C-alpha atoms as a PDB file:
ATOM      1  CA  UNK A   1     -16.001 -20.504  98.603  1.00  0.00           C
ATOM      2  CA  UNK A   2     -17.171 -16.973  97.899  1.00  0.00           C
ATOM      3  CA  UNK A   3     -18.039 -15.748  94.583  1.00  0.00           C
ATOM      4  CA  UNK A   4     -15.124 -13.135  94.561  1.00  0.00           C
ATOM      5  CA  UNK A   5     -12.699 -16.022  95.157  1.00  0.00           C
ATOM      6  CA  UNK A   6     -14.081 -18.022  92.356  1.00  0.00           C
ATOM      7  CA  UNK A   7     -13.654 -15.191  90.123  1.00  0.00           C
ATOM      8  CA  UNK A   8     -10.191 -14.679  91.131  1.00  0.00           C
ATOM      9  CA  UNK A   9      -9.326 -18.134  90.354  1.00  0.00           C
ATOM     10  CA  UNK A  10     -11.388 -18.277  87.121  1.00  0.00           C
ATOM     11  CA  UNK A  11     -10.157 -14.936  85.383  1.00  0.00           C
ATOM     12  CA  UNK A  12      -6.544 -15.429  84.875  1.00  0.00           C
ATOM     13  CA  UNK A  13      -6.529 -13.627  81.604  1.00  0.00           C
ATOM     14  CA  UNK A  14      -8.813 -11.696  79.407  1.00  0.00           C
ATOM     15  CA  UNK A  15      -9.461 -12.181  75.697  1.00  0.00           C
ATOM     16  CA  UNK A  16      -9.696  -8.893  73.628  1.00  0.00           C
ATOM     17  CA  UNK A  17     -11.958  -9.128  70.568  1.00  0.00           C
ATOM     18  CA  UNK A  18     -10.216  -5.984  69.116  1.00  0.00           C
ATOM     19  CA  UNK A  19     -11.356  -4.048  66.064  1.00  0.00           C
ATOM     20  CA  UNK A  20     -11.944  -6.943  63.639  1.00  0.00           C
ATOM     21  CA  UNK A  21     -12.024 -10.623  63.410  1.00  0.00           C
ATOM     22  CA  UNK A  22     -11.034 -10.679  59.677  1.00  0.00           C
ATOM     23  CA  UNK A  23      -7.214 -11.224  58.856  1.00  0.00           C
ATOM     24  CA  UNK A  24      -7.147  -8.944  55.929  1.00  0.00           C
ATOM     25  CA  UNK A  25      -8.651  -6.047  57.813  1.00  0.00           C
ATOM     26  CA  UNK A  26      -6.411  -6.874  60.703  1.00  0.00           C
ATOM     27  CA  UNK A  27      -3.175  -6.500  58.649  1.00  0.00           C
ATOM     28  CA  UNK A  28      -4.501  -3.361  57.075  1.00  0.00           C
ATOM     29  CA  UNK A  29      -5.243  -1.886  60.696  1.00  0.00           C
ATOM     30  CA  UNK A  30      -1.729  -3.077  61.701  1.00  0.00           C
ATOM     31  CA  UNK A  31      -0.062  -1.025  58.775  1.00  0.00           C
ATOM     32  CA  UNK A  32      -2.113   2.121  59.591  1.00  0.00           C
ATOM     33  CA  UNK A  33      -1.835   1.947  63.380  1.00  0.00           C
ATOM     34  CA  UNK A  34       1.833   1.238  63.146  1.00  0.00           C
ATOM     35  CA  UNK A  35       2.311   4.376  60.879  1.00  0.00           C
ATOM     36  CA  UNK A  36       0.351   6.398  63.584  1.00  0.00           C
ATOM     37  CA  UNK A  37       2.265   4.987  66.450  1.00  0.00           C
ATOM     38  CA  UNK A  38       5.537   5.930  64.759  1.00  0.00           C
ATOM     39  CA  UNK A  39       4.356   9.223  63.948  1.00  0.00           C
ATOM     40  CA  UNK A  40       3.125   9.735  67.548  1.00  0.00           C
ATOM     41  CA  UNK A  41       6.416   8.648  69.063  1.00  0.00           C
ATOM     42  CA  UNK A  42       8.663  10.501  66.707  1.00  0.00           C
ATOM     43  CA  UNK A  43       6.438  13.670  66.996  1.00  0.00           C
ATOM     44  CA  UNK A  44       6.284  13.750  70.642  1.00  0.00           C
ATOM     45  CA  UNK A  45      10.013  12.958  71.154  1.00  0.00           C
ATOM     46  CA  UNK A  46      10.765  15.769  68.671  1.00  0.00           C
ATOM     47  CA  UNK A  47       8.678  18.168  70.600  1.00  0.00           C
ATOM     48  CA  UNK A  48      10.445  17.225  73.988  1.00  0.00           C
ATOM     49  CA  UNK A  49      13.964  17.495  72.443  1.00  0.00           C
ATOM     50  CA  UNK A  50      13.262  20.805  70.673  1.00  0.00           C
ATOM     51  CA  UNK A  51      11.999  22.389  74.051  1.00  0.00           C
ATOM     52  CA  UNK A  52      14.973  20.993  75.769  1.00  0.00           C
ATOM     53  CA  UNK A  53      17.514  22.124  73.403  1.00  0.00           C
ATOM     54  CA  UNK A  54      16.192  25.609  72.490  1.00  0.00           C
ATOM     55  CA  UNK A  55      16.364  28.353  75.214  1.00  0.00           C
ATOM     56  CA  UNK A  56      13.908  30.286  73.403  1.00  0.00           C
ATOM     57  CA  UNK A  57      11.213  27.761  74.384  1.00  0.00           C
ATOM     58  CA  UNK A  58      11.932  27.708  78.062  1.00  0.00           C
ATOM     59  CA  UNK A  59       8.685  29.330  78.899  1.00  0.00           C
ATOM     60  CA  UNK A  60       5.559  28.291  80.843  1.00  0.00           C
ATOM     61  CA  UNK A  61       3.612  27.553  77.562  1.00  0.00           C
ATOM     62  CA  UNK A  62       6.348  25.259  76.200  1.00  0.00           C
ATOM     63  CA  UNK A  63       6.623  23.696  79.669  1.00  0.00           C
ATOM     64  CA  UNK A  64       2.975  22.535  79.725  1.00  0.00           C
ATOM     65  CA  UNK A  65       3.447  21.446  76.152  1.00  0.00           C
ATOM     66  CA  UNK A  66       6.403  19.146  77.069  1.00  0.00           C
ATOM     67  CA  UNK A  67       4.374  17.685  79.918  1.00  0.00           C
ATOM     68  CA  UNK A  68       1.546  17.015  77.651  1.00  0.00           C
ATOM     69  CA  UNK A  69       3.920  15.467  74.929  1.00  0.00           C
ATOM     70  CA  UNK A  70       5.322  13.280  77.579  1.00  0.00           C
ATOM     71  CA  UNK A  71       1.776  12.131  78.795  1.00  0.00           C
ATOM     72  CA  UNK A  72       0.770  11.438  75.026  1.00  0.00           C
ATOM     73  CA  UNK A  73       3.875   9.459  74.622  1.00  0.00           C
ATOM     74  CA  UNK A  74       3.317   7.234  77.739  1.00  0.00           C
ATOM     75  CA  UNK A  75      -0.385   7.109  76.915  1.00  0.00           C
ATOM     76  CA  UNK A  76       0.157   5.743  73.407  1.00  0.00           C
ATOM     77  CA  UNK A  77       2.704   3.285  74.660  1.00  0.00           C
ATOM     78  CA  UNK A  78       0.252   2.008  77.320  1.00  0.00           C
ATOM     79  CA  UNK A  79      -1.677  -0.051  74.798  1.00  0.00           C
ATOM     80  CA  UNK A  80      -0.486   0.529  71.258  1.00  0.00           C
ATOM     81  CA  UNK A  81       2.491  -2.159  71.226  1.00  0.00           C
ATOM     82  CA  UNK A  82      -0.030  -4.704  72.673  1.00  0.00           C
ATOM     83  CA  UNK A  83      -2.680  -3.729  70.116  1.00  0.00           C
ATOM     84  CA  UNK A  84      -0.297  -4.065  67.206  1.00  0.00           C
ATOM     85  CA  UNK A  85       0.993  -7.494  68.496  1.00  0.00           C
ATOM     86  CA  UNK A  86      -2.747  -8.723  68.633  1.00  0.00           C
ATOM     87  CA  UNK A  87      -3.442  -7.710  65.002  1.00  0.00           C
ATOM     88  CA  UNK A  88      -0.843 -10.510  63.901  1.00  0.00           C
ATOM     89  CA  UNK A  89      -1.775 -13.124  66.507  1.00  0.00           C
ATOM     90  CA  UNK A  90      -4.542 -15.770  66.695  1.00  0.00           C
ATOM     91  CA  UNK A  91      -4.744 -15.620  70.567  1.00  0.00           C
ATOM     92  CA  UNK A  92      -5.567 -12.078  71.587  1.00  0.00           C
ATOM     93  CA  UNK A  93      -5.302 -12.629  75.271  1.00  0.00           C
ATOM     94  CA  UNK A  94      -3.907 -10.395  78.123  1.00  0.00           C
ATOM     95  CA  UNK A  95      -3.002 -11.554  81.648  1.00  0.00           C
ATOM     96  CA  UNK A  96      -5.361 -10.240  84.440  1.00  0.00           C
ATOM     97  CA  UNK A  97      -2.650  -8.185  86.210  1.00  0.00           C
ATOM     98  CA  UNK A  98      -1.551  -6.653  82.796  1.00  0.00           C
ATOM     99  CA  UNK A  99      -5.260  -5.784  82.012  1.00  0.00           C
ATOM    100  CA  UNK A 100      -5.506  -3.983  85.478  1.00  0.00           C
ATOM    101  CA  UNK A 101      -2.235  -2.133  84.941  1.00  0.00           C
ATOM    102  CA  UNK A 102      -3.278  -1.076  81.477  1.00  0.00           C
ATOM    103  CA  UNK A 103      -6.521   0.037  82.694  1.00  0.00           C
ATOM    104  CA  UNK A 104      -5.046   2.070  85.630  1.00  0.00           C
ATOM    105  CA  UNK A 105      -2.261   3.630  83.574  1.00  0.00           C
ATOM    106  CA  UNK A 106      -4.353   4.619  80.517  1.00  0.00           C
ATOM    107  CA  UNK A 107      -7.227   5.906  82.503  1.00  0.00           C
ATOM    108  CA  UNK A 108      -4.688   8.038  84.726  1.00  0.00           C
ATOM    109  CA  UNK A 109      -2.807   9.616  81.695  1.00  0.00           C
ATOM    110  CA  UNK A 110      -6.076  10.284  79.797  1.00  0.00           C
ATOM    111  CA  UNK A 111      -7.575  12.058  82.948  1.00  0.00           C
ATOM    112  CA  UNK A 112      -4.244  13.990  83.497  1.00  0.00           C
ATOM    113  CA  UNK A 113      -4.394  15.183  79.942  1.00  0.00           C
ATOM    114  CA  UNK A 114      -7.702  16.873  80.456  1.00  0.00           C
ATOM    115  CA  UNK A 115      -6.456  18.635  83.569  1.00  0.00           C
ATOM    116  CA  UNK A 116      -3.285  19.585  81.734  1.00  0.00           C
ATOM    117  CA  UNK A 117      -5.526  21.154  78.854  1.00  0.00           C
ATOM    118  CA  UNK A 118      -7.283  23.180  81.605  1.00  0.00           C
ATOM    119  CA  UNK A 119      -3.898  24.362  83.000  1.00  0.00           C
ATOM    120  CA  UNK A 120      -2.753  25.380  79.619  1.00  0.00           C
ATOM    121  CA  UNK A 121      -5.895  27.295  78.940  1.00  0.00           C
ATOM    122  CA  UNK A 122      -5.236  29.158  82.194  1.00  0.00           C
ATOM    123  CA  UNK A 123      -1.737  29.803  81.123  1.00  0.00           C
ATOM    124  CA  UNK A 124      -3.004  31.305  77.815  1.00  0.00           C
ATOM    125  CA  UNK A 125      -5.507  33.532  79.811  1.00  0.00           C
ATOM    126  CA  UNK A 126      -2.580  35.098  81.759  1.00  0.00           C
ATOM    127  CA  UNK A 127      -0.546  35.570  78.599  1.00  0.00           C
ATOM    128  CA  UNK A 128      -3.241  37.264  76.693  1.00  0.00           C
ATOM    129  CA  UNK A 129      -5.136  39.237  79.625  1.00  0.00           C
ATOM    130  CA  UNK A 130      -2.018  39.943  81.750  1.00  0.00           C
ATOM    131  CA  UNK A 131       0.939  40.085  79.547  1.00  0.00           C
ATOM    132  CA  UNK A 132       2.996  42.475  81.537  1.00  0.00           C
ATOM    133  CA  UNK A 133       2.762  40.210  84.576  1.00  0.00           C
ATOM    134  CA  UNK A 134       2.831  36.896  82.746  1.00  0.00           C
ATOM    135  CA  UNK A 135       6.395  35.830  83.932  1.00  0.00           C
ATOM    136  CA  UNK A 136       5.747  36.933  87.415  1.00  0.00           C
ATOM    137  CA  UNK A 137       2.275  35.023  87.659  1.00  0.00           C
ATOM    138  CA  UNK A 138       3.399  31.974  85.868  1.00  0.00           C
ATOM    139  CA  UNK A 139       6.546  31.516  87.931  1.00  0.00           C
ATOM    140  CA  UNK A 140       8.437  28.074  87.872  1.00  0.00           C
ATOM    141  CA  UNK A 141       6.881  26.932  91.128  1.00  0.00           C
ATOM    142  CA  UNK A 142       3.371  27.546  89.994  1.00  0.00           C
ATOM    143  CA  UNK A 143       4.144  25.735  86.551  1.00  0.00           C
ATOM    144  CA  UNK A 144       5.342  22.769  88.433  1.00  0.00           C
ATOM    145  CA  UNK A 145       2.676  22.617  90.986  1.00  0.00           C
ATOM    146  CA  UNK A 146      -0.156  22.754  88.413  1.00  0.00           C
ATOM    147  CA  UNK A 147       1.569  20.119  86.360  1.00  0.00           C
ATOM    148  CA  UNK A 148       2.074  17.973  89.468  1.00  0.00           C
ATOM    149  CA  UNK A 149      -1.506  18.622  90.562  1.00  0.00           C
ATOM    150  CA  UNK A 150      -2.916  17.580  87.117  1.00  0.00           C
ATOM    151  CA  UNK A 151      -0.920  14.059  87.279  1.00  0.00           C
ATOM    152  CA  UNK A 152      -1.957  13.535  90.848  1.00  0.00           C
ATOM    153  CA  UNK A 153      -5.678  14.251  90.085  1.00  0.00           C
ATOM    154  CA  UNK A 154      -5.500  11.923  87.046  1.00  0.00           C
ATOM    155  CA  UNK A 155      -3.782   9.031  88.951  1.00  0.00           C
ATOM    156  CA  UNK A 156      -6.061   9.426  92.151  1.00  0.00           C
ATOM    157  CA  UNK A 157      -9.243   9.382  90.035  1.00  0.00           C
ATOM    158  CA  UNK A 158      -7.807   6.301  88.120  1.00  0.00           C
ATOM    159  CA  UNK A 159      -7.020   4.404  91.287  1.00  0.00           C
ATOM    160  CA  UNK A 160     -10.449   4.752  92.639  1.00  0.00           C
ATOM    161  CA  UNK A 161     -12.221   3.603  89.274  1.00  0.00           C
ATOM    162  CA  UNK A 162      -9.755   0.731  88.956  1.00  0.00           C
ATOM    163  CA  UNK A 163     -10.401  -0.514  92.475  1.00  0.00           C
ATOM    164  CA  UNK A 164     -14.133  -0.459  92.172  1.00  0.00           C
ATOM    165  CA  UNK A 165     -14.097  -2.029  88.835  1.00  0.00           C
ATOM    166  CA  UNK A 166     -11.808  -5.069  89.392  1.00  0.00           C
ATOM    167  CA  UNK A 167     -13.652  -5.954  92.688  1.00  0.00           C
ATOM    168  CA  UNK A 168     -16.665  -6.882  90.724  1.00  0.00           C
ATOM    169  CA  UNK A 169     -17.366 -10.615  90.238  1.00  0.00           C
ATOM    170  CA  UNK A 170     -16.932 -11.553  86.592  1.00  0.00           C
ATOM    171  CA  UNK A 171     -19.029 -13.899  84.635  1.00  0.00           C
ATOM    172  CA  UNK A 172     -16.683 -14.254  81.615  1.00  0.00           C
ATOM    173  CA  UNK A 173     -13.309 -12.990  80.362  1.00  0.00           C
ATOM    174  CA  UNK A 174     -14.003 -11.822  76.815  1.00  0.00           C
ATOM    175  CA  UNK A 175     -13.721  -8.132  76.484  1.00  0.00           C
ATOM    176  CA  UNK A 176     -15.527  -6.524  73.310  1.00  0.00           C
ATOM    177  CA  UNK A 177     -12.661  -3.873  72.822  1.00  0.00           C
ATOM    178  CA  UNK A 178      -9.081  -3.543  71.695  1.00  0.00           C
ATOM    179  CA  UNK A 179      -7.938  -2.507  75.269  1.00  0.00           C
ATOM    180  CA  UNK A 180      -8.995  -2.863  78.951  1.00  0.00           C
ATOM    181  CA  UNK A 181     -11.340  -0.002  78.816  1.00  0.00           C
ATOM    182  CA  UNK A 182     -13.955   0.929  81.655  1.00  0.00           C
ATOM    183  CA  UNK A 183     -17.183   0.420  79.882  1.00  0.00           C
ATOM    184  CA  UNK A 184     -16.122  -2.797  78.183  1.00  0.00           C
ATOM    185  CA  UNK A 185     -14.745  -4.269  81.413  1.00  0.00           C
ATOM    186  CA  UNK A 186     -17.972  -3.398  83.332  1.00  0.00           C
ATOM    187  CA  UNK A 187     -19.951  -5.570  80.859  1.00  0.00           C
ATOM    188  CA  UNK A 188     -18.266  -8.633  82.156  1.00  0.00           C
ATOM    189  CA  UNK A 189     -19.682  -8.349  85.446  1.00  0.00           C
ATOM    190  CA  UNK A 190     -22.384 -10.855  86.766  1.00  0.00           C
ATOM    191  CA  UNK A 191     -23.855  -8.559  89.265  1.00  0.00           C
ATOM    192  CA  UNK A 192     -25.902  -5.244  89.117  1.00  0.00           C
ATOM    193  CA  UNK A 193     -23.369  -2.469  87.868  1.00  0.00           C
ATOM    194  CA  UNK A 194     -25.673   0.449  88.462  1.00  0.00           C
ATOM    195  CA  UNK A 195     -23.426   1.834  91.192  1.00  0.00           C
ATOM    196  CA  UNK A 196     -20.308   1.454  88.913  1.00  0.00           C
ATOM    197  CA  UNK A 197     -22.036   3.291  86.057  1.00  0.00           C
ATOM    198  CA  UNK A 198     -22.903   6.045  88.368  1.00  0.00           C
ATOM    199  CA  UNK A 199     -19.524   6.189  89.533  1.00  0.00           C
ATOM    200  CA  UNK A 200     -18.042   6.062  86.204  1.00  0.00           C
ATOM    201  CA  UNK A 201     -20.250   8.829  84.998  1.00  0.00           C
ATOM    202  CA  UNK A 202     -19.533  10.875  87.971  1.00  0.00           C
ATOM    203  CA  UNK A 203     -15.728  10.538  87.572  1.00  0.00           C
ATOM    204  CA  UNK A 204     -16.150  11.212  83.764  1.00  0.00           C
ATOM    205  CA  UNK A 205     -18.075  14.309  84.544  1.00  0.00           C
ATOM    206  CA  UNK A 206     -15.572  15.705  87.006  1.00  0.00           C
ATOM    207  CA  UNK A 207     -12.437  14.778  84.955  1.00  0.00           C
ATOM    208  CA  UNK A 208     -13.948  16.318  81.603  1.00  0.00           C
ATOM    209  CA  UNK A 209     -16.197  19.164  82.756  1.00  0.00           C
ATOM    210  CA  UNK A 210     -14.125  20.609  85.490  1.00  0.00           C
ATOM    211  CA  UNK A 211     -11.165  21.225  83.120  1.00  0.00           C
ATOM    212  CA  UNK A 212     -13.617  22.121  80.412  1.00  0.00           C
ATOM    213  CA  UNK A 213     -15.204  24.709  82.639  1.00  0.00           C
ATOM    214  CA  UNK A 214     -11.840  26.323  83.322  1.00  0.00           C
ATOM    215  CA  UNK A 215     -11.229  26.246  79.441  1.00  0.00           C
ATOM    216  CA  UNK A 216     -14.492  27.976  78.793  1.00  0.00           C
ATOM    217  CA  UNK A 217     -13.865  30.662  81.403  1.00  0.00           C
ATOM    218  CA  UNK A 218     -10.256  31.270  80.131  1.00  0.00           C
ATOM    219  CA  UNK A 219     -11.351  31.664  76.561  1.00  0.00           C
ATOM    220  CA  UNK A 220     -14.434  33.720  77.382  1.00  0.00           C
ATOM    221  CA  UNK A 221     -12.005  36.240  79.014  1.00  0.00           C
ATOM    222  CA  UNK A 222      -9.493  35.752  76.179  1.00  0.00           C
ATOM    223  CA  UNK A 223     -12.049  36.686  73.610  1.00  0.00           C
ATOM    224  CA  UNK A 224     -13.196  39.606  75.533  1.00  0.00           C
ATOM    225  CA  UNK A 225      -9.539  40.889  75.768  1.00  0.00           C
ATOM    226  CA  UNK A 226      -9.154  40.222  72.090  1.00  0.00           C
ATOM    227  CA  UNK A 227     -12.201  42.235  71.193  1.00  0.00           C
ATOM    228  CA  UNK A 228     -10.783  45.152  73.015  1.00  0.00           C
ATOM    229  CA  UNK A 229      -7.645  45.285  70.873  1.00  0.00           C
ATOM    230  CA  UNK A 230      -8.176  47.913  68.061  1.00  0.00           C
ATOM    231  CA  UNK A 231      -5.630  46.715  65.478  1.00  0.00           C
ATOM    232  CA  UNK A 232      -6.347  43.851  63.355  1.00  0.00           C
ATOM    233  CA  UNK A 233      -2.562  42.802  63.473  1.00  0.00           C
ATOM    234  CA  UNK A 234      -2.847  42.765  67.329  1.00  0.00           C
ATOM    235  CA  UNK A 235      -5.925  40.642  67.371  1.00  0.00           C
ATOM    236  CA  UNK A 236      -4.443  38.139  65.034  1.00  0.00           C
ATOM    237  CA  UNK A 237      -1.358  37.977  67.198  1.00  0.00           C
ATOM    238  CA  UNK A 238      -3.252  37.465  70.185  1.00  0.00           C
ATOM    239  CA  UNK A 239      -5.533  34.763  68.874  1.00  0.00           C
ATOM    240  CA  UNK A 240      -2.471  32.959  67.212  1.00  0.00           C
ATOM    241  CA  UNK A 241      -0.928  32.320  70.637  1.00  0.00           C
ATOM    242  CA  UNK A 242      -4.133  30.329  71.660  1.00  0.00           C
ATOM    243  CA  UNK A 243      -5.033  28.600  68.160  1.00  0.00           C
ATOM    244  CA  UNK A 244      -3.135  25.457  68.528  1.00  0.00           C
ATOM    245  CA  UNK A 245      -4.314  24.922  72.067  1.00  0.00           C
ATOM    246  CA  UNK A 246      -7.853  25.569  71.194  1.00  0.00           C
ATOM    247  CA  UNK A 247      -7.766  23.180  68.281  1.00  0.00           C
ATOM    248  CA  UNK A 248      -6.468  20.438  70.560  1.00  0.00           C
ATOM    249  CA  UNK A 249      -9.071  21.265  73.251  1.00  0.00           C
ATOM    250  CA  UNK A 250     -11.943  21.012  70.729  1.00  0.00           C
ATOM    251  CA  UNK A 251     -10.534  17.662  69.471  1.00  0.00           C
ATOM    252  CA  UNK A 252      -9.856  15.978  72.867  1.00  0.00           C
ATOM    253  CA  UNK A 253     -13.017  17.283  74.753  1.00  0.00           C
ATOM    254  CA  UNK A 254     -15.314  16.652  71.806  1.00  0.00           C
ATOM    255  CA  UNK A 255     -14.212  12.935  71.550  1.00  0.00           C
ATOM    256  CA  UNK A 256     -14.198  12.414  75.322  1.00  0.00           C
ATOM    257  CA  UNK A 257     -17.788  14.063  75.743  1.00  0.00           C
ATOM    258  CA  UNK A 258     -19.074  12.081  72.767  1.00  0.00           C
ATOM    259  CA  UNK A 259     -17.866   8.733  74.373  1.00  0.00           C
ATOM    260  CA  UNK A 260     -18.504   9.125  77.995  1.00  0.00           C
ATOM    261  CA  UNK A 261     -21.191  11.797  78.615  1.00  0.00           C
ATOM    262  CA  UNK A 262     -23.868  10.856  76.007  1.00  0.00           C
ATOM    263  CA  UNK A 263     -26.825   8.382  76.938  1.00  0.00           C
ATOM    264  CA  UNK A 264     -25.703   4.777  76.725  1.00  0.00           C
ATOM    265  CA  UNK A 265     -28.873   3.887  74.891  1.00  0.00           C
ATOM    266  CA  UNK A 266     -27.761   6.071  71.960  1.00  0.00           C
ATOM    267  CA  UNK A 267     -24.284   4.251  71.566  1.00  0.00           C
ATOM    268  CA  UNK A 268     -23.010   0.883  70.375  1.00  0.00           C
ATOM    269  CA  UNK A 269     -19.905  -0.823  71.521  1.00  0.00           C
ATOM    270  CA  UNK A 270     -18.585  -0.536  67.873  1.00  0.00           C
ATOM    271  CA  UNK A 271     -19.188   3.142  67.981  1.00  0.00           C
ATOM    272  CA  UNK A 272     -17.322   3.457  71.328  1.00  0.00           C
ATOM    273  CA  UNK A 273     -14.380   1.445  69.925  1.00  0.00           C
ATOM    274  CA  UNK A 274     -14.102   3.968  67.187  1.00  0.00           C
ATOM    275  CA  UNK A 275     -14.327   6.972  69.183  1.00  0.00           C
ATOM    276  CA  UNK A 276     -11.847   5.496  71.646  1.00  0.00           C
ATOM    277  CA  UNK A 277      -9.512   4.716  68.883  1.00  0.00           C
ATOM    278  CA  UNK A 278      -9.576   8.263  67.818  1.00  0.00           C
ATOM    279  CA  UNK A 279      -8.790   9.803  71.133  1.00  0.00           C
ATOM    280  CA  UNK A 280      -6.248   7.048  72.044  1.00  0.00           C
ATOM    281  CA  UNK A 281      -4.346   6.732  68.762  1.00  0.00           C
ATOM    282  CA  UNK A 282      -5.299   9.712  66.550  1.00  0.00           C
ATOM    283  CA  UNK A 283      -5.163  12.562  69.082  1.00  0.00           C
ATOM    284  CA  UNK A 284      -1.857  11.753  70.470  1.00  0.00           C
ATOM    285  CA  UNK A 285      -0.489  11.812  66.744  1.00  0.00           C
ATOM    286  CA  UNK A 286      -2.145  14.924  65.947  1.00  0.00           C
ATOM    287  CA  UNK A 287      -1.164  16.923  69.059  1.00  0.00           C
ATOM    288  CA  UNK A 288       2.504  17.430  68.098  1.00  0.00           C
ATOM    289  CA  UNK A 289       1.639  18.083  64.399  1.00  0.00           C
ATOM    290  CA  UNK A 290      -0.807  20.799  65.513  1.00  0.00           C
ATOM    291  CA  UNK A 291       1.582  22.406  67.916  1.00  0.00           C
ATOM    292  CA  UNK A 292       4.627  22.281  65.340  1.00  0.00           C
ATOM    293  CA  UNK A 293       2.867  23.080  62.054  1.00  0.00           C
ATOM    294  CA  UNK A 294       0.948  26.053  63.408  1.00  0.00           C
ATOM    295  CA  UNK A 295       3.631  27.538  65.717  1.00  0.00           C
ATOM    296  CA  UNK A 296       6.346  29.681  64.300  1.00  0.00           C
ATOM    297  CA  UNK A 297       8.610  29.306  67.293  1.00  0.00           C
ATOM    298  CA  UNK A 298       8.656  25.513  67.269  1.00  0.00           C
ATOM    299  CA  UNK A 299       9.260  25.625  63.556  1.00  0.00           C
ATOM    300  CA  UNK A 300      12.206  27.946  64.001  1.00  0.00           C
ATOM    301  CA  UNK A 301      13.650  25.898  66.654  1.00  0.00           C
ATOM    302  CA  UNK A 302      13.403  22.869  64.340  1.00  0.00           C
ATOM    303  CA  UNK A 303      15.014  24.769  61.514  1.00  0.00           C
ATOM    304  CA  UNK A 304      17.877  25.791  63.852  1.00  0.00           C
ATOM    305  CA  UNK A 305      18.611  22.230  65.003  1.00  0.00           C
ATOM    306  CA  UNK A 306      18.546  21.034  61.467  1.00  0.00           C
ATOM    307  CA  UNK A 307      21.047  23.740  60.486  1.00  0.00           C
ATOM    308  CA  UNK A 308      23.336  22.599  63.355  1.00  0.00           C
ATOM    309  CA  UNK A 309      23.352  19.073  62.106  1.00  0.00           C
ATOM    310  CA  UNK A 310      23.773  20.302  58.558  1.00  0.00           C
ATOM    311  CA  UNK A 311      26.782  22.425  59.596  1.00  0.00           C
ATOM    312  CA  UNK A 312      28.369  19.418  61.579  1.00  0.00           C
ATOM    313  CA  UNK A 313      27.936  17.180  58.584  1.00  0.00           C
END
């Protein structure tokens, strides 16, 4: 019997070590992450509902924001419910097929989000640098095509990485992480994983740096266009249309680059778990808050909806 068949028979489930083994810490983490999960769910659902209900938000920028909110919502739900359940259970196990599915879906949605942030940067570039032709350039077909392309790219990249990762023969089934994450799963292999590390680094470089390059190009042109505006009020208005997106870009790309593109010798698994927790739990929670609290149009749409409910009451 080959080594691969032995692995398939032996590894029927994985054990996730999670963030801590101390009961008191786990309860505290349960309360904290449950609160974050509720805020994430409510915030992103609210963004989707406001964009759907208010016709003033039926623009390309808010179309991409609705796709981003949907991706964040799905991403959070791909692992948060299981992580919360594991905080209160003694046996933190996950079936093999569930681990593969979680690995694939979370990686696909994470990659799609980076591509979406790149597409949103291009949208802001067109809005600031070509305002008179904005609606013509960013027509519905292009917006749908860009959004679909971002999702397809994310899911295709994840499919490739999932296949090459879970074809490895595994020596044990204890994952030192709170989820089935790439680097943590690779540590289970009992063969040389140099090829997999190169593929993971290449995949991470493409998924992170290609959209990042588009972001840098777009904002380079945006900054040049803003500097040509003579009035201070005009500059503030132009920059205000990009502030929320730029904040999210810095947060998401910064955490991802820190996690995947730095030398492995400079990192520990505990550090990687903390950073992974940030971009997988904190970032999806902050995205709707940043886009709502810093956006007058979203706040106006929220106020309009609340007034409707108040009138009906």
